[in-house]
């Protein structure tokens, strides 16, 4: 099983929170008014670029589902 298959995506207080199940990893994104993309608010430090890419994709997929971005 790949790491990104255990990502959980949730909404809380106008932010998208992506966590890696079974770890302390968390990334929080928000959509500023007037900007066409998500912005990273905070993220657990990691050197795993594959995980970072998967988390960004999961957050963007959720934003599209919510109608925040096209």
PDB file of N, CA and C in Angstrom:
ATOM      1  N   UNK A   1       0.836  -1.179   0.000  1.00  0.00           N
ATOM      2  CA  UNK A   1       0.000   0.000   0.000  1.00  0.00           C
ATOM      3  C   UNK A   1       0.884   1.247   0.000  1.00  0.00           C
ATOM      4  N   UNK A   2       0.563   2.172  -0.886  1.00  0.00           N
ATOM      5  CA  UNK A   2       1.319   3.414  -0.966  1.00  0.00           C
ATOM      6  C   UNK A   2       0.838   4.378   0.113  1.00  0.00           C
ATOM      7  N   UNK A   3       1.738   5.251   0.534  1.00  0.00           N
ATOM      8  CA  UNK A   3       1.427   6.198   1.610  1.00  0.00           C
ATOM      9  C   UNK A   3       0.164   7.005   1.330  1.00  0.00           C
ATOM     10  N   UNK A   4       0.017   7.468   0.100  1.00  0.00           N
ATOM     11  CA  UNK A   4      -1.095   8.361  -0.191  1.00  0.00           C
ATOM     12  C   UNK A   4      -2.431   7.625  -0.220  1.00  0.00           C
ATOM     13  N   UNK A   5      -2.420   6.305  -0.146  1.00  0.00           N
ATOM     14  CA  UNK A   5      -3.675   5.567  -0.066  1.00  0.00           C
ATOM     15  C   UNK A   5      -4.263   5.634   1.341  1.00  0.00           C
ATOM     16  N   UNK A   6      -3.491   6.130   2.297  1.00  0.00           N
ATOM     17  CA  UNK A   6      -3.970   6.244   3.677  1.00  0.00           C
ATOM     18  C   UNK A   6      -4.100   7.710   4.092  1.00  0.00           C
ATOM     19  N   UNK A   7      -4.379   8.579   3.140  1.00  0.00           N
ATOM     20  CA  UNK A   7      -4.597   9.989   3.440  1.00  0.00           C
ATOM     21  C   UNK A   7      -6.055  10.222   3.794  1.00  0.00           C
ATOM     22  N   UNK A   8      -6.279  11.010   4.836  1.00  0.00           N
ATOM     23  CA  UNK A   8      -7.626  11.432   5.195  1.00  0.00           C
ATOM     24  C   UNK A   8      -7.732  12.926   4.909  1.00  0.00           C
ATOM     25  N   UNK A   9      -8.844  13.323   4.292  1.00  0.00           N
ATOM     26  CA  UNK A   9      -9.068  14.729   3.940  1.00  0.00           C
ATOM     27  C   UNK A   9     -10.339  15.192   4.643  1.00  0.00           C
ATOM     28  N   UNK A  10     -10.232  16.301   5.355  1.00  0.00           N
ATOM     29  CA  UNK A  10     -11.378  16.832   6.103  1.00  0.00           C
ATOM     30  C   UNK A  10     -11.443  18.346   5.956  1.00  0.00           C
ATOM     31  N   UNK A  11     -12.632  18.879   6.234  1.00  0.00           N
ATOM     32  CA  UNK A  11     -12.854  20.326   6.256  1.00  0.00           C
ATOM     33  C   UNK A  11     -13.016  20.762   7.695  1.00  0.00           C
ATOM     34  N   UNK A  12     -12.398  21.884   8.038  1.00  0.00           N
ATOM     35  CA  UNK A  12     -12.558  22.435   9.384  1.00  0.00           C
ATOM     36  C   UNK A  12     -12.331  23.943   9.336  1.00  0.00           C
ATOM     37  N   UNK A  13     -13.318  24.701   9.749  1.00  0.00           N
ATOM     38  CA  UNK A  13     -13.207  26.156   9.826  1.00  0.00           C
ATOM     39  C   UNK A  13     -12.688  26.796   8.543  1.00  0.00           C
ATOM     40  N   UNK A  14     -13.197  26.370   7.405  1.00  0.00           N
ATOM     41  CA  UNK A  14     -12.800  26.962   6.135  1.00  0.00           C
ATOM     42  C   UNK A  14     -11.436  26.541   5.628  1.00  0.00           C
ATOM     43  N   UNK A  15     -10.891  25.464   6.197  1.00  0.00           N
ATOM     44  CA  UNK A  15      -9.612  24.939   5.729  1.00  0.00           C
ATOM     45  C   UNK A  15      -9.771  23.477   5.335  1.00  0.00           C
ATOM     46  N   UNK A  16      -8.863  23.033   4.504  1.00  0.00           N
ATOM     47  CA  UNK A  16      -8.790  21.627   4.126  1.00  0.00           C
ATOM     48  C   UNK A  16      -7.601  21.044   4.872  1.00  0.00           C
ATOM     49  N   UNK A  17      -7.858  19.984   5.620  1.00  0.00           N
ATOM     50  CA  UNK A  17      -6.809  19.348   6.417  1.00  0.00           C
ATOM     51  C   UNK A  17      -6.574  17.939   5.883  1.00  0.00           C
ATOM     52  N   UNK A  18      -5.334  17.666   5.546  1.00  0.00           N
ATOM     53  CA  UNK A  18      -4.954  16.343   5.044  1.00  0.00           C
ATOM     54  C   UNK A  18      -4.014  15.714   6.068  1.00  0.00           C
ATOM     55  N   UNK A  19      -4.357  14.506   6.503  1.00  0.00           N
ATOM     56  CA  UNK A  19      -3.525  13.787   7.461  1.00  0.00           C
ATOM     57  C   UNK A  19      -3.150  12.426   6.890  1.00  0.00           C
ATOM     58  N   UNK A  20      -2.030  11.921   7.350  1.00  0.00           N
ATOM     59  CA  UNK A  20      -1.572  10.589   6.970  1.00  0.00           C
ATOM     60  C   UNK A  20      -1.929   9.660   8.114  1.00  0.00           C
ATOM     61  N   UNK A  21      -2.862   8.744   7.845  1.00  0.00           N
ATOM     62  CA  UNK A  21      -3.336   7.819   8.869  1.00  0.00           C
ATOM     63  C   UNK A  21      -2.167   7.069   9.506  1.00  0.00           C
ATOM     64  N   UNK A  22      -2.179   6.974  10.828  1.00  0.00           N
ATOM     65  CA  UNK A  22      -1.153   6.239  11.544  1.00  0.00           C
ATOM     66  C   UNK A  22       0.132   7.022  11.778  1.00  0.00           C
ATOM     67  N   UNK A  23       0.102   8.322  11.514  1.00  0.00           N
ATOM     68  CA  UNK A  23       1.287   9.156  11.730  1.00  0.00           C
ATOM     69  C   UNK A  23       0.848  10.504  12.287  1.00  0.00           C
ATOM     70  N   UNK A  24       1.817  11.356  12.540  1.00  0.00           N
ATOM     71  CA  UNK A  24       1.515  12.715  13.011  1.00  0.00           C
ATOM     72  C   UNK A  24       1.517  13.729  11.868  1.00  0.00           C
ATOM     73  N   UNK A  25       1.659  13.273  10.632  1.00  0.00           N
ATOM     74  CA  UNK A  25       1.722  14.185   9.494  1.00  0.00           C
ATOM     75  C   UNK A  25       0.382  14.870   9.286  1.00  0.00           C
ATOM     76  N   UNK A  26       0.460  16.182   9.043  1.00  0.00           N
ATOM     77  CA  UNK A  26      -0.735  16.986   8.775  1.00  0.00           C
ATOM     78  C   UNK A  26      -0.358  18.155   7.879  1.00  0.00           C
ATOM     79  N   UNK A  27      -1.243  18.467   6.939  1.00  0.00           N
ATOM     80  CA  UNK A  27      -1.092  19.657   6.101  1.00  0.00           C
ATOM     81  C   UNK A  27      -2.424  20.399   6.097  1.00  0.00           C
ATOM     82  N   UNK A  28      -2.356  21.719   6.208  1.00  0.00           N
ATOM     83  CA  UNK A  28      -3.561  22.548   6.249  1.00  0.00           C
ATOM     84  C   UNK A  28      -3.495  23.552   5.102  1.00  0.00           C
ATOM     85  N   UNK A  29      -4.541  23.562   4.290  1.00  0.00           N
ATOM     86  CA  UNK A  29      -4.628  24.469   3.142  1.00  0.00           C
ATOM     87  C   UNK A  29      -5.854  25.356   3.293  1.00  0.00           C
ATOM     88  N   UNK A  30      -5.784  26.546   2.713  1.00  0.00           N
ATOM     89  CA  UNK A  30      -6.951  27.420   2.666  1.00  0.00           C
ATOM     90  C   UNK A  30      -6.997  28.097   1.303  1.00  0.00           C
ATOM     91  N   UNK A  31      -8.165  28.658   0.995  1.00  0.00           N
ATOM     92  CA  UNK A  31      -8.371  29.343  -0.287  1.00  0.00           C
ATOM     93  C   UNK A  31      -8.625  30.817   0.003  1.00  0.00           C
ATOM     94  N   UNK A  32      -7.607  31.661  -0.222  1.00  0.00           N
ATOM     95  CA  UNK A  32      -7.803  33.097  -0.004  1.00  0.00           C
ATOM     96  C   UNK A  32      -8.806  33.681  -1.010  1.00  0.00           C
ATOM     97  N   UNK A  33      -9.610  34.587  -0.535  1.00  0.00           N
ATOM     98  CA  UNK A  33     -10.566  35.272  -1.405  1.00  0.00           C
ATOM     99  C   UNK A  33      -9.821  35.991  -2.527  1.00  0.00           C
ATOM    100  N   UNK A  34     -10.268  35.785  -3.751  1.00  0.00           N
ATOM    101  CA  UNK A  34      -9.677  36.482  -4.895  1.00  0.00           C
ATOM    102  C   UNK A  34      -8.492  35.780  -5.528  1.00  0.00           C
ATOM    103  N   UNK A  35      -8.023  34.701  -4.958  1.00  0.00           N
ATOM    104  CA  UNK A  35      -6.920  33.939  -5.558  1.00  0.00           C
ATOM    105  C   UNK A  35      -7.470  32.633  -6.122  1.00  0.00           C
ATOM    106  N   UNK A  36      -6.920  32.164  -7.252  1.00  0.00           N
ATOM    107  CA  UNK A  36      -7.472  30.978  -7.905  1.00  0.00           C
ATOM    108  C   UNK A  36      -6.937  29.637  -7.392  1.00  0.00           C
ATOM    109  N   UNK A  37      -6.089  29.645  -6.364  1.00  0.00           N
ATOM    110  CA  UNK A  37      -5.505  28.380  -5.916  1.00  0.00           C
ATOM    111  C   UNK A  37      -5.482  28.291  -4.387  1.00  0.00           C
ATOM    112  N   UNK A  38      -5.227  27.076  -3.913  1.00  0.00           N
ATOM    113  CA  UNK A  38      -5.066  26.870  -2.474  1.00  0.00           C
ATOM    114  C   UNK A  38      -3.702  27.363  -2.030  1.00  0.00           C
ATOM    115  N   UNK A  39      -3.611  27.710  -0.752  1.00  0.00           N
ATOM    116  CA  UNK A  39      -2.356  28.137  -0.155  1.00  0.00           C
ATOM    117  C   UNK A  39      -2.109  27.245   1.070  1.00  0.00           C
ATOM    118  N   UNK A  40      -0.881  26.802   1.195  1.00  0.00           N
ATOM    119  CA  UNK A  40      -0.505  25.983   2.343  1.00  0.00           C
ATOM    120  C   UNK A  40      -0.361  26.874   3.574  1.00  0.00           C
ATOM    121  N   UNK A  41      -1.091  26.559   4.624  1.00  0.00           N
ATOM    122  CA  UNK A  41      -1.008  27.325   5.866  1.00  0.00           C
ATOM    123  C   UNK A  41       0.062  26.731   6.788  1.00  0.00           C
ATOM    124  N   UNK A  42       0.060  25.408   6.909  1.00  0.00           N
ATOM    125  CA  UNK A  42       1.065  24.740   7.731  1.00  0.00           C
ATOM    126  C   UNK A  42       1.179  23.279   7.293  1.00  0.00           C
ATOM    127  N   UNK A  43       2.343  22.699   7.554  1.00  0.00           N
ATOM    128  CA  UNK A  43       2.571  21.299   7.211  1.00  0.00           C
ATOM    129  C   UNK A  43       3.645  20.741   8.127  1.00  0.00           C
ATOM    130  N   UNK A  44       3.450  19.500   8.529  1.00  0.00           N
ATOM    131  CA  UNK A  44       4.477  18.804   9.289  1.00  0.00           C
ATOM    132  C   UNK A  44       5.718  18.698   8.409  1.00  0.00           C
ATOM    133  N   UNK A  45       6.868  18.943   8.990  1.00  0.00           N
ATOM    134  CA  UNK A  45       8.117  18.886   8.236  1.00  0.00           C
ATOM    135  C   UNK A  45       8.370  17.459   7.736  1.00  0.00           C
ATOM    136  N   UNK A  46       8.725  17.358   6.457  1.00  0.00           N
ATOM    137  CA  UNK A  46       9.050  16.068   5.859  1.00  0.00           C
ATOM    138  C   UNK A  46       9.946  16.279   4.650  1.00  0.00           C
ATOM    139  N   UNK A  47      10.788  15.296   4.373  1.00  0.00           N
ATOM    140  CA  UNK A  47      11.615  15.309   3.166  1.00  0.00           C
ATOM    141  C   UNK A  47      11.031  14.407   2.087  1.00  0.00           C
ATOM    142  N   UNK A  48       9.894  13.793   2.369  1.00  0.00           N
ATOM    143  CA  UNK A  48       9.249  12.853   1.442  1.00  0.00           C
ATOM    144  C   UNK A  48       8.450  13.639   0.399  1.00  0.00           C
ATOM    145  N   UNK A  49       9.081  13.935  -0.716  1.00  0.00           N
ATOM    146  CA  UNK A  49       8.440  14.737  -1.762  1.00  0.00           C
ATOM    147  C   UNK A  49       7.275  14.012  -2.428  1.00  0.00           C
ATOM    148  N   UNK A  50       7.309  12.696  -2.437  1.00  0.00           N
ATOM    149  CA  UNK A  50       6.201  11.917  -2.982  1.00  0.00           C
ATOM    150  C   UNK A  50       4.950  12.121  -2.110  1.00  0.00           C
ATOM    151  N   UNK A  51       5.133  12.124  -0.806  1.00  0.00           N
ATOM    152  CA  UNK A  51       4.030  12.371   0.109  1.00  0.00           C
ATOM    153  C   UNK A  51       3.513  13.795  -0.046  1.00  0.00           C
ATOM    154  N   UNK A  52       4.403  14.760  -0.122  1.00  0.00           N
ATOM    155  CA  UNK A  52       3.998  16.166  -0.280  1.00  0.00           C
ATOM    156  C   UNK A  52       3.151  16.335  -1.545  1.00  0.00           C
ATOM    157  N   UNK A  53       3.560  15.708  -2.640  1.00  0.00           N
ATOM    158  CA  UNK A  53       2.802  15.800  -3.892  1.00  0.00           C
ATOM    159  C   UNK A  53       1.426  15.145  -3.755  1.00  0.00           C
ATOM    160  N   UNK A  54       1.360  13.998  -3.106  1.00  0.00           N
ATOM    161  CA  UNK A  54       0.091  13.296  -2.923  1.00  0.00           C
ATOM    162  C   UNK A  54      -0.859  14.101  -2.037  1.00  0.00           C
ATOM    163  N   UNK A  55      -0.335  14.732  -1.008  1.00  0.00           N
ATOM    164  CA  UNK A  55      -1.145  15.548  -0.107  1.00  0.00           C
ATOM    165  C   UNK A  55      -1.678  16.772  -0.841  1.00  0.00           C
ATOM    166  N   UNK A  56      -0.834  17.415  -1.637  1.00  0.00           N
ATOM    167  CA  UNK A  56      -1.271  18.577  -2.422  1.00  0.00           C
ATOM    168  C   UNK A  56      -2.392  18.170  -3.377  1.00  0.00           C
ATOM    169  N   UNK A  57      -2.236  17.024  -4.038  1.00  0.00           N
ATOM    170  CA  UNK A  57      -3.265  16.542  -4.968  1.00  0.00           C
ATOM    171  C   UNK A  57      -4.573  16.261  -4.229  1.00  0.00           C
ATOM    172  N   UNK A  58      -4.492  15.610  -3.079  1.00  0.00           N
ATOM    173  CA  UNK A  58      -5.692  15.307  -2.302  1.00  0.00           C
ATOM    174  C   UNK A  58      -6.411  16.598  -1.882  1.00  0.00           C
ATOM    175  N   UNK A  59      -5.668  17.596  -1.451  1.00  0.00           N
ATOM    176  CA  UNK A  59      -6.261  18.870  -1.056  1.00  0.00           C
ATOM    177  C   UNK A  59      -6.915  19.563  -2.247  1.00  0.00           C
ATOM    178  N   UNK A  60      -6.266  19.544  -3.388  1.00  0.00           N
ATOM    179  CA  UNK A  60      -6.829  20.175  -4.580  1.00  0.00           C
ATOM    180  C   UNK A  60      -8.061  19.431  -5.075  1.00  0.00           C
ATOM    181  N   UNK A  61      -8.061  18.107  -4.990  1.00  0.00           N
ATOM    182  CA  UNK A  61      -9.245  17.333  -5.371  1.00  0.00           C
ATOM    183  C   UNK A  61     -10.432  17.717  -4.491  1.00  0.00           C
ATOM    184  N   UNK A  62     -10.198  17.876  -3.194  1.00  0.00           N
ATOM    185  CA  UNK A  62     -11.261  18.274  -2.271  1.00  0.00           C
ATOM    186  C   UNK A  62     -11.741  19.697  -2.586  1.00  0.00           C
ATOM    187  N   UNK A  63     -10.811  20.595  -2.891  1.00  0.00           N
ATOM    188  CA  UNK A  63     -11.183  21.967  -3.239  1.00  0.00           C
ATOM    189  C   UNK A  63     -12.045  22.000  -4.500  1.00  0.00           C
ATOM    190  N   UNK A  64     -11.726  21.165  -5.464  1.00  0.00           N
ATOM    191  CA  UNK A  64     -12.549  21.090  -6.682  1.00  0.00           C
ATOM    192  C   UNK A  64     -13.942  20.559  -6.349  1.00  0.00           C
ATOM    193  N   UNK A  65     -13.987  19.530  -5.506  1.00  0.00           N
ATOM    194  CA  UNK A  65     -15.257  18.957  -5.076  1.00  0.00           C
ATOM    195  C   UNK A  65     -16.130  20.004  -4.389  1.00  0.00           C
ATOM    196  N   UNK A  66     -15.519  20.890  -3.643  1.00  0.00           N
ATOM    197  CA  UNK A  66     -16.233  21.958  -2.931  1.00  0.00           C
ATOM    198  C   UNK A  66     -16.570  23.156  -3.816  1.00  0.00           C
ATOM    199  N   UNK A  67     -16.006  23.189  -5.029  1.00  0.00           N
ATOM    200  CA  UNK A  67     -16.242  24.311  -5.933  1.00  0.00           C
ATOM    201  C   UNK A  67     -15.329  25.506  -5.659  1.00  0.00           C
ATOM    202  N   UNK A  68     -14.306  25.301  -4.830  1.00  0.00           N
ATOM    203  CA  UNK A  68     -13.374  26.389  -4.516  1.00  0.00           C
ATOM    204  C   UNK A  68     -12.491  26.741  -5.702  1.00  0.00           C
ATOM    205  N   UNK A  69     -12.088  25.730  -6.468  1.00  0.00           N
ATOM    206  CA  UNK A  69     -11.228  25.923  -7.629  1.00  0.00           C
ATOM    207  C   UNK A  69     -11.810  25.125  -8.791  1.00  0.00           C
ATOM    208  N   UNK A  70     -11.381  25.465  -9.988  1.00  0.00           N
ATOM    209  CA  UNK A  70     -11.891  24.788 -11.195  1.00  0.00           C
ATOM    210  C   UNK A  70     -10.926  23.717 -11.613  1.00  0.00           C
TER     211      UNK A  70
END
